[in-house]
Each structure stands twice: as C-alpha cells, then as structure tokens.
Amino acid sequence: KIFKMRRRKHYQKHQGHRQNYTELRIDAIAA
C-alpha cells in the first residue's frame, strides 16, 4: 500500500492537477 501511494504521487506530478484530485481522495481515505 505504501509503495502504491508513492507511485501515484509521482504519477500525479506527471499527469497534472487532474490526478491531484484522485490523490487527494486517496489521501483522505488513507488518513
């Protein structure tokens, strides 16, 4: 789970703010 989140974080930077939305939602669920 940790390595998955890290990979998504990098993806978000590459994709743009659109992925940021997904990352934010995942962060909220993980928290």
Protein backbone atom coordinates (compact mmCIF):
# COMPACT_ATOMS: atom_id res chain seq x y z
CA LYS A 1 0.00 0.00 0.00
CA ILE A 2 2.86 2.36 0.82
CA PHE A 3 4.68 1.73 -2.45
CA LYS A 4 1.41 2.17 -4.33
CA MET A 5 0.76 5.58 -2.82
CA ARG A 6 4.31 6.69 -3.61
CA ARG A 7 3.92 5.60 -7.23
CA ARG A 8 0.65 7.50 -7.55
CA LYS A 9 2.29 10.62 -6.12
CA HIS A 10 4.81 10.59 -8.94
CA TYR A 11 2.07 9.96 -11.45
CA GLN A 12 0.11 12.94 -10.17
CA LYS A 13 3.05 15.24 -10.84
CA HIS A 14 3.37 13.84 -14.36
CA GLN A 15 -0.32 13.93 -15.19
CA GLY A 16 -1.26 17.30 -13.72
CA HIS A 17 -3.81 18.72 -11.32
CA ARG A 18 -6.43 16.26 -12.62
CA GLN A 19 -4.61 13.38 -10.91
CA ASN A 20 -4.21 15.57 -7.86
CA TYR A 21 -7.94 15.19 -7.28
CA THR A 22 -7.61 11.41 -7.14
CA GLU A 23 -4.57 11.63 -4.90
CA LEU A 24 -6.40 13.90 -2.51
CA ARG A 25 -9.28 11.45 -2.29
CA ILE A 26 -6.90 8.53 -1.65
CA ASP A 27 -5.08 10.56 0.98
CA ALA A 28 -8.35 11.25 2.77
CA ILE A 29 -9.26 7.55 2.75
CA ALA A 30 -5.80 6.52 3.94
CA ALA A 31 -5.94 9.13 6.69
